[in-house]
Amino acid sequence: MKEDTSGSKPKVQLTDANGVSWTAKFASRSSTGTEVHAEIAASRLIWAFGYFVEEHYFVAEEKIAGVQLRRRTSYAVAPDGTFTAARFERRPSEIVRGGHWDLHDNPFAGSRELSGLKLYPR
């Protein structure tokens, strides 16, 4: 387990018993609220429309083995590894993650598929 300090929400990188990598995002105490449930709902909706999405799962309560001292996640994960309300995202090794991706300047700009994901004001 390793703490992930990117973004604004508390996260950890994990490896399960089968060697699969995951990122777990926990509900935060910030004034901006939590996005754990919203991310999972959004990914399922986009998947239902036929788009590729990463695997996201909601885990209501569980225990992570091998927990070490952490900064941002200390309130979300107890010293014994127990936690509540987390979003687990599978991180397959064959998927290469790039840097910043621009919604308007990309190889799919102008395609029907990308346009189907955009909402335009009236």
PDB file of N, CA and C in Angstrom:
ATOM      1  N   MET A   1       0.843  -1.184   0.000  1.00  0.00           N
ATOM      2  CA  MET A   1       0.000   0.000   0.000  1.00  0.00           C
ATOM      3  C   MET A   1       0.881   1.238   0.000  1.00  0.00           C
ATOM      4  N   LYS A   2       0.483   2.216  -0.828  1.00  0.00           N
ATOM      5  CA  LYS A   2       1.200   3.475  -0.906  1.00  0.00           C
ATOM      6  C   LYS A   2       0.184   4.597  -1.032  1.00  0.00           C
ATOM      7  N   GLU A   3       0.375   5.661  -0.269  1.00  0.00           N
ATOM      8  CA  GLU A   3      -0.550   6.780  -0.361  1.00  0.00           C
ATOM      9  C   GLU A   3      -0.366   7.502  -1.683  1.00  0.00           C
ATOM     10  N   ASP A   4      -1.482   7.889  -2.314  1.00  0.00           N
ATOM     11  CA  ASP A   4      -1.476   8.632  -3.573  1.00  0.00           C
ATOM     12  C   ASP A   4      -1.808  10.069  -3.228  1.00  0.00           C
ATOM     13  N   THR A   5      -0.872  10.979  -3.431  1.00  0.00           N
ATOM     14  CA  THR A   5      -1.074  12.376  -3.045  1.00  0.00           C
ATOM     15  C   THR A   5      -1.566  13.250  -4.192  1.00  0.00           C
ATOM     16  N   SER A   6      -1.868  12.658  -5.343  1.00  0.00           N
ATOM     17  CA  SER A   6      -2.389  13.459  -6.456  1.00  0.00           C
ATOM     18  C   SER A   6      -3.853  13.809  -6.193  1.00  0.00           C
ATOM     19  N   GLY A   7      -4.310  14.877  -6.812  1.00  0.00           N
ATOM     20  CA  GLY A   7      -5.702  15.283  -6.670  1.00  0.00           C
ATOM     21  C   GLY A   7      -5.992  15.888  -5.312  1.00  0.00           C
ATOM     22  N   SER A   8      -7.281  16.029  -5.019  1.00  0.00           N
ATOM     23  CA  SER A   8      -7.676  16.679  -3.771  1.00  0.00           C
ATOM     24  C   SER A   8      -8.330  15.735  -2.770  1.00  0.00           C
ATOM     25  N   LYS A   9      -8.607  14.510  -3.161  1.00  0.00           N
ATOM     26  CA  LYS A   9      -9.257  13.553  -2.265  1.00  0.00           C
ATOM     27  C   LYS A   9      -8.248  12.512  -1.786  1.00  0.00           C
ATOM     28  N   PRO A  10      -8.450  11.953  -0.583  1.00  0.00           N
ATOM     29  CA  PRO A  10      -7.519  10.954  -0.050  1.00  0.00           C
ATOM     30  C   PRO A  10      -7.604   9.638  -0.823  1.00  0.00           C
ATOM     31  N   LYS A  11      -6.418   9.134  -1.245  1.00  0.00           N
ATOM     32  CA  LYS A  11      -6.365   7.894  -2.026  1.00  0.00           C
ATOM     33  C   LYS A  11      -5.145   7.077  -1.616  1.00  0.00           C
ATOM     34  N   VAL A  12      -5.240   5.773  -1.867  1.00  0.00           N
ATOM     35  CA  VAL A  12      -4.085   4.886  -1.705  1.00  0.00           C
ATOM     36  C   VAL A  12      -4.007   3.964  -2.907  1.00  0.00           C
ATOM     37  N   GLN A  13      -2.780   3.550  -3.229  1.00  0.00           N
ATOM     38  CA  GLN A  13      -2.563   2.555  -4.272  1.00  0.00           C
ATOM     39  C   GLN A  13      -2.361   1.222  -3.582  1.00  0.00           C
ATOM     40  N   LEU A  14      -3.056   0.189  -4.077  1.00  0.00           N
ATOM     41  CA  LEU A  14      -3.048  -1.125  -3.442  1.00  0.00           C
ATOM     42  C   LEU A  14      -2.763  -2.219  -4.454  1.00  0.00           C
ATOM     43  N   THR A  15      -2.347  -3.361  -3.957  1.00  0.00           N
ATOM     44  CA  THR A  15      -2.224  -4.567  -4.771  1.00  0.00           C
ATOM     45  C   THR A  15      -2.968  -5.667  -4.037  1.00  0.00           C
ATOM     46  N   ASP A  16      -3.885  -6.359  -4.745  1.00  0.00           N
ATOM     47  CA  ASP A  16      -4.663  -7.406  -4.089  1.00  0.00           C
ATOM     48  C   ASP A  16      -3.899  -8.734  -4.083  1.00  0.00           C
ATOM     49  N   ALA A  17      -4.511  -9.760  -3.509  1.00  0.00           N
ATOM     50  CA  ALA A  17      -3.872 -11.076  -3.365  1.00  0.00           C
ATOM     51  C   ALA A  17      -3.539 -11.711  -4.718  1.00  0.00           C
ATOM     52  N   ASN A  18      -4.220 -11.278  -5.797  1.00  0.00           N
ATOM     53  CA  ASN A  18      -3.952 -11.807  -7.136  1.00  0.00           C
ATOM     54  C   ASN A  18      -2.932 -10.975  -7.904  1.00  0.00           C
ATOM     55  N   GLY A  19      -2.362  -9.942  -7.261  1.00  0.00           N
ATOM     56  CA  GLY A  19      -1.371  -9.095  -7.910  1.00  0.00           C
ATOM     57  C   GLY A  19      -1.954  -7.979  -8.750  1.00  0.00           C
ATOM     58  N   VAL A  20      -3.268  -7.750  -8.656  1.00  0.00           N
ATOM     59  CA  VAL A  20      -3.941  -6.689  -9.420  1.00  0.00           C
ATOM     60  C   VAL A  20      -3.798  -5.370  -8.665  1.00  0.00           C
ATOM     61  N   SER A  21      -3.436  -4.314  -9.401  1.00  0.00           N
ATOM     62  CA  SER A  21      -3.282  -2.982  -8.800  1.00  0.00           C
ATOM     63  C   SER A  21      -4.620  -2.250  -8.786  1.00  0.00           C
ATOM     64  N   TRP A  22      -4.849  -1.506  -7.714  1.00  0.00           N
ATOM     65  CA  TRP A  22      -6.070  -0.727  -7.527  1.00  0.00           C
ATOM     66  C   TRP A  22      -5.714   0.626  -6.928  1.00  0.00           C
ATOM     67  N   THR A  23      -6.553   1.611  -7.173  1.00  0.00           N
ATOM     68  CA  THR A  23      -6.504   2.871  -6.441  1.00  0.00           C
ATOM     69  C   THR A  23      -7.795   2.952  -5.654  1.00  0.00           C
ATOM     70  N   ALA A  24      -7.685   3.175  -4.355  1.00  0.00           N
ATOM     71  CA  ALA A  24      -8.864   3.330  -3.507  1.00  0.00           C
ATOM     72  C   ALA A  24      -8.997   4.794  -3.130  1.00  0.00           C
ATOM     73  N   LYS A  25     -10.159   5.375  -3.427  1.00  0.00           N
ATOM     74  CA  LYS A  25     -10.452   6.759  -3.056  1.00  0.00           C
ATOM     75  C   LYS A  25     -11.494   6.721  -1.952  1.00  0.00           C
ATOM     76  N   PHE A  26     -11.263   7.498  -0.915  1.00  0.00           N
ATOM     77  CA  PHE A  26     -12.146   7.477   0.247  1.00  0.00           C
ATOM     78  C   PHE A  26     -12.992   8.745   0.313  1.00  0.00           C
ATOM     79  N   ALA A  27     -14.122   8.622   0.957  1.00  0.00           N
ATOM     80  CA  ALA A  27     -14.966   9.787   1.193  1.00  0.00           C
ATOM     81  C   ALA A  27     -14.156  10.786   2.010  1.00  0.00           C
ATOM     82  N   SER A  28     -14.239  12.048   1.649  1.00  0.00           N
ATOM     83  CA  SER A  28     -13.432  13.051   2.344  1.00  0.00           C
ATOM     84  C   SER A  28     -14.279  13.865   3.304  1.00  0.00           C
ATOM     85  N   ARG A  29     -13.582  14.584   4.148  1.00  0.00           N
ATOM     86  CA  ARG A  29     -14.246  15.480   5.093  1.00  0.00           C
ATOM     87  C   ARG A  29     -14.241  16.909   4.584  1.00  0.00           C
ATOM     88  N   SER A  30     -13.872  17.115   3.336  1.00  0.00           N
ATOM     89  CA  SER A  30     -13.736  18.472   2.807  1.00  0.00           C
ATOM     90  C   SER A  30     -15.098  19.106   2.551  1.00  0.00           C
ATOM     91  N   SER A  31     -15.080  20.429   2.397  1.00  0.00           N
ATOM     92  CA  SER A  31     -16.319  21.164   2.131  1.00  0.00           C
ATOM     93  C   SER A  31     -16.856  20.879   0.733  1.00  0.00           C
ATOM     94  N   THR A  32     -16.015  20.330  -0.159  1.00  0.00           N
ATOM     95  CA  THR A  32     -16.487  20.021  -1.513  1.00  0.00           C
ATOM     96  C   THR A  32     -17.239  18.698  -1.556  1.00  0.00           C
ATOM     97  N   GLY A  33     -17.282  17.985  -0.455  1.00  0.00           N
ATOM     98  CA  GLY A  33     -18.039  16.750  -0.381  1.00  0.00           C
ATOM     99  C   GLY A  33     -17.280  15.556  -0.925  1.00  0.00           C
ATOM    100  N   THR A  34     -18.013  14.485  -1.135  1.00  0.00           N
ATOM    101  CA  THR A  34     -17.399  13.251  -1.612  1.00  0.00           C
ATOM    102  C   THR A  34     -17.835  12.958  -3.029  1.00  0.00           C
ATOM    103  N   GLU A  35     -16.978  12.304  -3.777  1.00  0.00           N
ATOM    104  CA  GLU A  35     -17.342  11.939  -5.141  1.00  0.00           C
ATOM    105  C   GLU A  35     -17.333  10.435  -5.332  1.00  0.00           C
ATOM    106  N   VAL A  36     -17.180   9.696  -4.248  1.00  0.00           N
ATOM    107  CA  VAL A  36     -17.085   8.238  -4.322  1.00  0.00           C
ATOM    108  C   VAL A  36     -18.301   7.647  -5.034  1.00  0.00           C
ATOM    109  N   HIS A  37     -19.501   7.957  -4.593  1.00  0.00           N
ATOM    110  CA  HIS A  37     -20.710   7.395  -5.201  1.00  0.00           C
ATOM    111  C   HIS A  37     -20.943   7.946  -6.609  1.00  0.00           C
ATOM    112  N   ALA A  38     -20.693   9.234  -6.804  1.00  0.00           N
ATOM    113  CA  ALA A  38     -20.935   9.863  -8.101  1.00  0.00           C
ATOM    114  C   ALA A  38     -20.043   9.275  -9.191  1.00  0.00           C
ATOM    115  N   GLU A  39     -18.782   9.016  -8.884  1.00  0.00           N
ATOM    116  CA  GLU A  39     -17.872   8.443  -9.881  1.00  0.00           C
ATOM    117  C   GLU A  39     -18.349   7.069 -10.339  1.00  0.00           C
ATOM    118  N   ILE A  40     -18.804   6.272  -9.407  1.00  0.00           N
ATOM    119  CA  ILE A  40     -19.261   4.928  -9.752  1.00  0.00           C
ATOM    120  C   ILE A  40     -20.535   5.005 -10.590  1.00  0.00           C
ATOM    121  N   ALA A  41     -21.471   5.839 -10.193  1.00  0.00           N
ATOM    122  CA  ALA A  41     -22.704   5.991 -10.963  1.00  0.00           C
ATOM    123  C   ALA A  41     -22.415   6.516 -12.366  1.00  0.00           C
ATOM    124  N   ALA A  42     -21.532   7.501 -12.477  1.00  0.00           N
ATOM    125  CA  ALA A  42     -21.200   8.073 -13.780  1.00  0.00           C
ATOM    126  C   ALA A  42     -20.541   7.036 -14.682  1.00  0.00           C
ATOM    127  N   SER A  43     -19.629   6.249 -14.137  1.00  0.00           N
ATOM    128  CA  SER A  43     -18.953   5.246 -14.978  1.00  0.00           C
ATOM    129  C   SER A  43     -19.936   4.185 -15.462  1.00  0.00           C
ATOM    130  N   ARG A  44     -20.886   3.790 -14.625  1.00  0.00           N
ATOM    131  CA  ARG A  44     -21.881   2.796 -15.038  1.00  0.00           C
ATOM    132  C   ARG A  44     -22.801   3.350 -16.124  1.00  0.00           C
ATOM    133  N   LEU A  45     -23.166   4.609 -15.999  1.00  0.00           N
ATOM    134  CA  LEU A  45     -24.033   5.246 -16.990  1.00  0.00           C
ATOM    135  C   LEU A  45     -23.324   5.357 -18.339  1.00  0.00           C
ATOM    136  N   ILE A  46     -22.085   5.819 -18.339  1.00  0.00           N
ATOM    137  CA  ILE A  46     -21.321   5.940 -19.578  1.00  0.00           C
ATOM    138  C   ILE A  46     -21.106   4.562 -20.201  1.00  0.00           C
ATOM    139  N   TRP A  47     -20.828   3.556 -19.383  1.00  0.00           N
ATOM    140  CA  TRP A  47     -20.665   2.181 -19.876  1.00  0.00           C
ATOM    141  C   TRP A  47     -21.955   1.699 -20.540  1.00  0.00           C
ATOM    142  N   ALA A  48     -23.111   2.011 -19.937  1.00  0.00           N
ATOM    143  CA  ALA A  48     -24.401   1.603 -20.503  1.00  0.00           C
ATOM    144  C   ALA A  48     -24.646   2.243 -21.870  1.00  0.00           C
ATOM    145  N   PHE A  49     -24.063   3.406 -22.117  1.00  0.00           N
ATOM    146  CA  PHE A  49     -24.176   4.068 -23.420  1.00  0.00           C
ATOM    147  C   PHE A  49     -23.218   3.477 -24.450  1.00  0.00           C
ATOM    148  N   GLY A  50     -22.374   2.537 -24.035  1.00  0.00           N
ATOM    149  CA  GLY A  50     -21.493   1.855 -24.969  1.00  0.00           C
ATOM    150  C   GLY A  50     -20.065   2.355 -25.023  1.00  0.00           C
ATOM    151  N   TYR A  51     -19.696   3.222 -24.104  1.00  0.00           N
ATOM    152  CA  TYR A  51     -18.334   3.745 -24.079  1.00  0.00           C
ATOM    153  C   TYR A  51     -17.446   2.880 -23.181  1.00  0.00           C
ATOM    154  N   PHE A  52     -16.140   2.915 -23.465  1.00  0.00           N
ATOM    155  CA  PHE A  52     -15.168   2.231 -22.616  1.00  0.00           C
ATOM    156  C   PHE A  52     -15.039   3.010 -21.309  1.00  0.00           C
ATOM    157  N   VAL A  53     -15.065   2.315 -20.206  1.00  0.00           N
ATOM    158  CA  VAL A  53     -14.825   2.943 -18.898  1.00  0.00           C
ATOM    159  C   VAL A  53     -13.889   2.057 -18.083  1.00  0.00           C
ATOM    160  N   GLU A  54     -13.203   2.662 -17.157  1.00  0.00           N
ATOM    161  CA  GLU A  54     -12.375   1.895 -16.238  1.00  0.00           C
ATOM    162  C   GLU A  54     -13.280   1.246 -15.204  1.00  0.00           C
ATOM    163  N   GLU A  55     -12.814   0.140 -14.643  1.00  0.00           N
ATOM    164  CA  GLU A  55     -13.605  -0.569 -13.633  1.00  0.00           C
ATOM    165  C   GLU A  55     -13.597   0.194 -12.323  1.00  0.00           C
ATOM    166  N   HIS A  56     -14.792   0.522 -11.823  1.00  0.00           N
ATOM    167  CA  HIS A  56     -14.949   1.175 -10.523  1.00  0.00           C
ATOM    168  C   HIS A  56     -15.913   0.337  -9.695  1.00  0.00           C
ATOM    169  N   TYR A  57     -15.608   0.177  -8.428  1.00  0.00           N
ATOM    170  CA  TYR A  57     -16.478  -0.566  -7.520  1.00  0.00           C
ATOM    171  C   TYR A  57     -16.608   0.192  -6.217  1.00  0.00           C
ATOM    172  N   PHE A  58     -17.805   0.167  -5.654  1.00  0.00           N
ATOM    173  CA  PHE A  58     -18.019   0.754  -4.337  1.00  0.00           C
ATOM    174  C   PHE A  58     -17.807  -0.334  -3.298  1.00  0.00           C
ATOM    175  N   VAL A  59     -17.020  -0.020  -2.283  1.00  0.00           N
ATOM    176  CA  VAL A  59     -16.790  -0.938  -1.168  1.00  0.00           C
ATOM    177  C   VAL A  59     -17.279  -0.215   0.077  1.00  0.00           C
ATOM    178  N   ALA A  60     -18.358  -0.715   0.668  1.00  0.00           N
ATOM    179  CA  ALA A  60     -18.977  -0.050   1.810  1.00  0.00           C
ATOM    180  C   ALA A  60     -18.117  -0.131   3.065  1.00  0.00           C
ATOM    181  N   GLU A  61     -17.516  -1.290   3.286  1.00  0.00           N
ATOM    182  CA  GLU A  61     -16.705  -1.477   4.493  1.00  0.00           C
ATOM    183  C   GLU A  61     -15.789  -2.668   4.279  1.00  0.00           C
ATOM    184  N   GLU A  62     -14.527  -2.511   4.651  1.00  0.00           N
ATOM    185  CA  GLU A  62     -13.554  -3.597   4.474  1.00  0.00           C
ATOM    186  C   GLU A  62     -12.312  -3.288   5.290  1.00  0.00           C
ATOM    187  N   LYS A  63     -11.324  -4.157   5.152  1.00  0.00           N
ATOM    188  CA  LYS A  63     -10.061  -3.992   5.867  1.00  0.00           C
ATOM    189  C   LYS A  63      -8.911  -4.210   4.887  1.00  0.00           C
ATOM    190  N   ILE A  64      -7.933  -3.312   4.913  1.00  0.00           N
ATOM    191  CA  ILE A  64      -6.749  -3.402   4.067  1.00  0.00           C
ATOM    192  C   ILE A  64      -5.605  -3.934   4.924  1.00  0.00           C
ATOM    193  N   ALA A  65      -4.977  -5.012   4.478  1.00  0.00           N
ATOM    194  CA  ALA A  65      -3.843  -5.578   5.217  1.00  0.00           C
ATOM    195  C   ALA A  65      -2.577  -4.787   4.905  1.00  0.00           C
ATOM    196  N   GLY A  66      -1.689  -4.687   5.875  1.00  0.00           N
ATOM    197  CA  GLY A  66      -0.389  -4.056   5.661  1.00  0.00           C
ATOM    198  C   GLY A  66      -0.414  -2.547   5.681  1.00  0.00           C
ATOM    199  N   VAL A  67      -1.346  -1.957   6.405  1.00  0.00           N
ATOM    200  CA  VAL A  67      -1.452  -0.502   6.466  1.00  0.00           C
ATOM    201  C   VAL A  67      -0.260   0.075   7.235  1.00  0.00           C
ATOM    202  N   GLN A  68       0.296   1.159   6.679  1.00  0.00           N
ATOM    203  CA  GLN A  68       1.385   1.876   7.346  1.00  0.00           C
ATOM    204  C   GLN A  68       0.945   3.312   7.573  1.00  0.00           C
ATOM    205  N   LEU A  69       1.758   4.080   8.246  1.00  0.00           N
ATOM    206  CA  LEU A  69       1.418   5.472   8.523  1.00  0.00           C
ATOM    207  C   LEU A  69       1.124   6.232   7.237  1.00  0.00           C
ATOM    208  N   ARG A  70       0.062   7.046   7.277  1.00  0.00           N
ATOM    209  CA  ARG A  70      -0.335   7.843   6.129  1.00  0.00           C
ATOM    210  C   ARG A  70      -0.702   9.234   6.602  1.00  0.00           C
ATOM    211  N   ARG A  71      -0.652  10.201   5.696  1.00  0.00           N
ATOM    212  CA  ARG A  71      -1.013  11.577   6.064  1.00  0.00           C
ATOM    213  C   ARG A  71      -2.466  11.866   5.707  1.00  0.00           C
ATOM    214  N   ARG A  72      -2.776  11.914   4.412  1.00  0.00           N
ATOM    215  CA  ARG A  72      -4.101  12.350   3.963  1.00  0.00           C
ATOM    216  C   ARG A  72      -5.207  11.360   4.262  1.00  0.00           C
ATOM    217  N   THR A  73      -4.890  10.095   4.378  1.00  0.00           N
ATOM    218  CA  THR A  73      -5.936   9.081   4.576  1.00  0.00           C
ATOM    219  C   THR A  73      -6.065   8.633   6.023  1.00  0.00           C
ATOM    220  N   SER A  74      -5.355   9.275   6.944  1.00  0.00           N
ATOM    221  CA  SER A  74      -5.346   8.806   8.327  1.00  0.00           C
ATOM    222  C   SER A  74      -6.734   8.812   8.959  1.00  0.00           C
ATOM    223  N   TYR A  75      -7.612   9.737   8.584  1.00  0.00           N
ATOM    224  CA  TYR A  75      -8.958   9.747   9.159  1.00  0.00           C
ATOM    225  C   TYR A  75      -9.868   8.717   8.480  1.00  0.00           C
ATOM    226  N   ALA A  76      -9.550   8.319   7.244  1.00  0.00           N
ATOM    227  CA  ALA A  76     -10.413   7.423   6.477  1.00  0.00           C
ATOM    228  C   ALA A  76     -10.090   5.952   6.698  1.00  0.00           C
ATOM    229  N   VAL A  77      -8.833   5.652   6.981  1.00  0.00           N
ATOM    230  CA  VAL A  77      -8.393   4.270   7.196  1.00  0.00           C
ATOM    231  C   VAL A  77      -7.830   4.168   8.606  1.00  0.00           C
ATOM    232  N   ALA A  78      -8.452   3.319   9.410  1.00  0.00           N
ATOM    233  CA  ALA A  78      -8.019   3.146  10.806  1.00  0.00           C
ATOM    234  C   ALA A  78      -6.648   2.466  10.855  1.00  0.00           C
ATOM    235  N   PRO A  79      -5.949   2.562  11.982  1.00  0.00           N
ATOM    236  CA  PRO A  79      -4.634   1.917  12.111  1.00  0.00           C
ATOM    237  C   PRO A  79      -4.649   0.413  11.822  1.00  0.00           C
ATOM    238  N   ASP A  80      -5.798  -0.238  12.050  1.00  0.00           N
ATOM    239  CA  ASP A  80      -5.884  -1.683  11.765  1.00  0.00           C
ATOM    240  C   ASP A  80      -6.271  -1.963  10.301  1.00  0.00           C
ATOM    241  N   GLY A  81      -6.459  -0.893   9.486  1.00  0.00           N
ATOM    242  CA  GLY A  81      -6.764  -1.065   8.072  1.00  0.00           C
ATOM    243  C   GLY A  81      -8.235  -1.011   7.715  1.00  0.00           C
ATOM    244  N   THR A  82      -9.118  -0.889   8.691  1.00  0.00           N
ATOM    245  CA  THR A  82     -10.548  -0.844   8.382  1.00  0.00           C
ATOM    246  C   THR A  82     -10.919   0.528   7.812  1.00  0.00           C
ATOM    247  N   PHE A  83     -11.902   0.528   6.914  1.00  0.00           N
ATOM    248  CA  PHE A  83     -12.385   1.769   6.311  1.00  0.00           C
ATOM    249  C   PHE A  83     -13.841   1.594   5.935  1.00  0.00           C
ATOM    250  N   THR A  84     -14.498   2.700   5.649  1.00  0.00           N
ATOM    251  CA  THR A  84     -15.868   2.687   5.125  1.00  0.00           C
ATOM    252  C   THR A  84     -15.934   3.623   3.929  1.00  0.00           C
ATOM    253  N   ALA A  85     -16.820   3.333   3.017  1.00  0.00           N
ATOM    254  CA  ALA A  85     -17.120   4.161   1.839  1.00  0.00           C
ATOM    255  C   ALA A  85     -15.899   4.491   0.999  1.00  0.00           C
ATOM    256  N   ALA A  86     -15.541   3.567   0.112  1.00  0.00           N
ATOM    257  CA  ALA A  86     -14.416   3.805  -0.792  1.00  0.00           C
ATOM    258  C   ALA A  86     -14.792   3.402  -2.211  1.00  0.00           C
ATOM    259  N   ARG A  87     -14.155   4.088  -3.168  1.00  0.00           N
ATOM    260  CA  ARG A  87     -14.273   3.736  -4.569  1.00  0.00           C
ATOM    261  C   ARG A  87     -12.972   3.051  -4.958  1.00  0.00           C
ATOM    262  N   PHE A  88     -13.063   1.817  -5.448  1.00  0.00           N
ATOM    263  CA  PHE A  88     -11.889   1.089  -5.915  1.00  0.00           C
ATOM    264  C   PHE A  88     -11.859   1.129  -7.430  1.00  0.00           C
ATOM    265  N   GLU A  89     -10.736   1.557  -7.996  1.00  0.00           N
ATOM    266  CA  GLU A  89     -10.553   1.614  -9.443  1.00  0.00           C
ATOM    267  C   GLU A  89      -9.433   0.657  -9.813  1.00  0.00           C
ATOM    268  N   ARG A  90      -9.754  -0.281 -10.696  1.00  0.00           N
ATOM    269  CA  ARG A  90      -8.755  -1.254 -11.153  1.00  0.00           C
ATOM    270  C   ARG A  90      -7.742  -0.553 -12.041  1.00  0.00           C
ATOM    271  N   ARG A  91      -6.463  -0.869 -11.860  1.00  0.00           N
ATOM    272  CA  ARG A  91      -5.388  -0.237 -12.615  1.00  0.00           C
ATOM    273  C   ARG A  91      -4.590  -1.306 -13.367  1.00  0.00           C
ATOM    274  N   PRO A  92      -5.139  -1.836 -14.471  1.00  0.00           N
ATOM    275  CA  PRO A  92      -4.427  -2.893 -15.217  1.00  0.00           C
ATOM    276  C   PRO A  92      -3.074  -2.403 -15.732  1.00  0.00           C
ATOM    277  N   SER A  93      -2.075  -3.267 -15.673  1.00  0.00           N
ATOM    278  CA  SER A  93      -0.721  -2.884 -16.089  1.00  0.00           C
ATOM    279  C   SER A  93      -0.629  -2.635 -17.595  1.00  0.00           C
ATOM    280  N   GLU A  94      -1.540  -3.223 -18.388  1.00  0.00           N
ATOM    281  CA  GLU A  94      -1.475  -3.032 -19.841  1.00  0.00           C
ATOM    282  C   GLU A  94      -2.033  -1.682 -20.302  1.00  0.00           C
ATOM    283  N   ILE A  95      -2.665  -0.935 -19.415  1.00  0.00           N
ATOM    284  CA  ILE A  95      -3.202   0.382 -19.743  1.00  0.00           C
ATOM    285  C   ILE A  95      -2.140   1.430 -19.408  1.00  0.00           C
ATOM    286  N   VAL A  96      -1.735   2.183 -20.428  1.00  0.00           N
ATOM    287  CA  VAL A  96      -0.743   3.239 -20.229  1.00  0.00           C
ATOM    288  C   VAL A  96      -1.494   4.547 -20.009  1.00  0.00           C
ATOM    289  N   ARG A  97      -1.190   5.210 -18.939  1.00  0.00           N
ATOM    290  CA  ARG A  97      -1.844   6.478 -18.621  1.00  0.00           C
ATOM    291  C   ARG A  97      -0.964   7.627 -19.056  1.00  0.00           C
ATOM    292  N   GLY A  98      -1.568   8.547 -19.778  1.00  0.00           N
ATOM    293  CA  GLY A  98      -0.823   9.699 -20.266  1.00  0.00           C
ATOM    294  C   GLY A  98      -0.994  10.887 -19.347  1.00  0.00           C
ATOM    295  N   GLY A  99      -0.555  12.010 -19.817  1.00  0.00           N
ATOM    296  CA  GLY A  99      -0.678  13.245 -19.054  1.00  0.00           C
ATOM    297  C   GLY A  99      -2.035  13.880 -19.265  1.00  0.00           C
ATOM    298  N   HIS A 100      -2.034  15.187 -19.365  1.00  0.00           N
ATOM    299  CA  HIS A 100      -3.263  15.963 -19.532  1.00  0.00           C
ATOM    300  C   HIS A 100      -3.920  15.641 -20.872  1.00  0.00           C
ATOM    301  N   TRP A 101      -5.231  15.495 -20.881  1.00  0.00           N
ATOM    302  CA  TRP A 101      -5.996  15.223 -22.091  1.00  0.00           C
ATOM    303  C   TRP A 101      -7.008  16.332 -22.249  1.00  0.00           C
ATOM    304  N   ASP A 102      -6.968  17.029 -23.365  1.00  0.00           N
ATOM    305  CA  ASP A 102      -7.828  18.180 -23.603  1.00  0.00           C
ATOM    306  C   ASP A 102      -9.098  17.754 -24.327  1.00  0.00           C
ATOM    307  N   LEU A 103     -10.236  18.169 -23.823  1.00  0.00           N
ATOM    308  CA  LEU A 103     -11.522  17.801 -24.408  1.00  0.00           C
ATOM    309  C   LEU A 103     -11.721  18.384 -25.800  1.00  0.00           C
ATOM    310  N   HIS A 104     -11.054  19.496 -26.116  1.00  0.00           N
ATOM    311  CA  HIS A 104     -11.246  20.155 -27.413  1.00  0.00           C
ATOM    312  C   HIS A 104     -10.096  19.921 -28.388  1.00  0.00           C
ATOM    313  N   ASP A 105      -8.920  19.596 -27.897  1.00  0.00           N
ATOM    314  CA  ASP A 105      -7.753  19.394 -28.754  1.00  0.00           C
ATOM    315  C   ASP A 105      -7.237  17.975 -28.555  1.00  0.00           C
ATOM    316  N   ASN A 106      -7.796  17.035 -29.301  1.00  0.00           N
ATOM    317  CA  ASN A 106      -7.440  15.622 -29.175  1.00  0.00           C
ATOM    318  C   ASN A 106      -7.735  14.909 -30.496  1.00  0.00           C
ATOM    319  N   PRO A 107      -7.270  13.679 -30.659  1.00  0.00           N
ATOM    320  CA  PRO A 107      -7.481  12.963 -31.926  1.00  0.00           C
ATOM    321  C   PRO A 107      -8.945  12.668 -32.251  1.00  0.00           C
ATOM    322  N   PHE A 108      -9.838  12.770 -31.268  1.00  0.00           N
ATOM    323  CA  PHE A 108     -11.249  12.440 -31.481  1.00  0.00           C
ATOM    324  C   PHE A 108     -12.127  13.675 -31.645  1.00  0.00           C
ATOM    325  N   ALA A 109     -11.536  14.860 -31.636  1.00  0.00           N
ATOM    326  CA  ALA A 109     -12.303  16.108 -31.752  1.00  0.00           C
ATOM    327  C   ALA A 109     -13.166  16.071 -33.014  1.00  0.00           C
ATOM    328  N   GLY A 110     -14.433  16.408 -32.853  1.00  0.00           N
ATOM    329  CA  GLY A 110     -15.364  16.435 -33.976  1.00  0.00           C
ATOM    330  C   GLY A 110     -16.039  15.106 -34.276  1.00  0.00           C
ATOM    331  N   SER A 111     -15.635  14.019 -33.617  1.00  0.00           N
ATOM    332  CA  SER A 111     -16.261  12.720 -33.880  1.00  0.00           C
ATOM    333  C   SER A 111     -17.617  12.624 -33.186  1.00  0.00           C
ATOM    334  N   ARG A 112     -18.493  11.787 -33.721  1.00  0.00           N
ATOM    335  CA  ARG A 112     -19.817  11.562 -33.114  1.00  0.00           C
ATOM    336  C   ARG A 112     -19.671  11.026 -31.704  1.00  0.00           C
ATOM    337  N   GLU A 113     -18.715  10.118 -31.527  1.00  0.00           N
ATOM    338  CA  GLU A 113     -18.550   9.468 -30.226  1.00  0.00           C
ATOM    339  C   GLU A 113     -18.170  10.469 -29.141  1.00  0.00           C
ATOM    340  N   LEU A 114     -17.238  11.354 -29.432  1.00  0.00           N
ATOM    341  CA  LEU A 114     -16.853  12.359 -28.437  1.00  0.00           C
ATOM    342  C   LEU A 114     -17.958  13.382 -28.254  1.00  0.00           C
ATOM    343  N   SER A 115     -18.604  13.773 -29.329  1.00  0.00           N
ATOM    344  CA  SER A 115     -19.705  14.737 -29.232  1.00  0.00           C
ATOM    345  C   SER A 115     -20.841  14.187 -28.383  1.00  0.00           C
ATOM    346  N   GLY A 116     -21.018  12.869 -28.376  1.00  0.00           N
ATOM    347  CA  GLY A 116     -22.075  12.253 -27.565  1.00  0.00           C
ATOM    348  C   GLY A 116     -21.818  12.367 -26.072  1.00  0.00           C
ATOM    349  N   LEU A 117     -20.588  12.646 -25.687  1.00  0.00           N
ATOM    350  CA  LEU A 117     -20.264  12.803 -24.261  1.00  0.00           C
ATOM    351  C   LEU A 117     -20.352  14.238 -23.792  1.00  0.00           C
ATOM    352  N   LYS A 118     -20.447  15.178 -24.722  1.00  0.00           N
ATOM    353  CA  LYS A 118     -20.463  16.595 -24.356  1.00  0.00           C
ATOM    354  C   LYS A 118     -21.885  17.094 -24.199  1.00  0.00           C
ATOM    355  N   LEU A 119     -22.064  17.992 -23.263  1.00  0.00           N
ATOM    356  CA  LEU A 119     -23.341  18.679 -23.078  1.00  0.00           C
ATOM    357  C   LEU A 119     -23.134  20.131 -23.463  1.00  0.00           C
ATOM    358  N   TYR A 120     -24.029  20.655 -24.278  1.00  0.00           N
ATOM    359  CA  TYR A 120     -23.903  22.022 -24.733  1.00  0.00           C
ATOM    360  C   TYR A 120     -25.043  22.841 -24.156  1.00  0.00           C
ATOM    361  N   PRO A 121     -24.768  24.068 -23.693  1.00  0.00           N
ATOM    362  CA  PRO A 121     -25.852  24.915 -23.186  1.00  0.00           C
ATOM    363  C   PRO A 121     -26.748  25.382 -24.324  1.00  0.00           C
ATOM    364  N   ARG A 122     -27.971  25.688 -24.015  1.00  0.00           N
ATOM    365  CA  ARG A 122     -28.915  26.169 -25.033  1.00  0.00           C
ATOM    366  C   ARG A 122     -28.584  27.559 -25.465  1.00  0.00           C
TER     367      ARG A 122
END
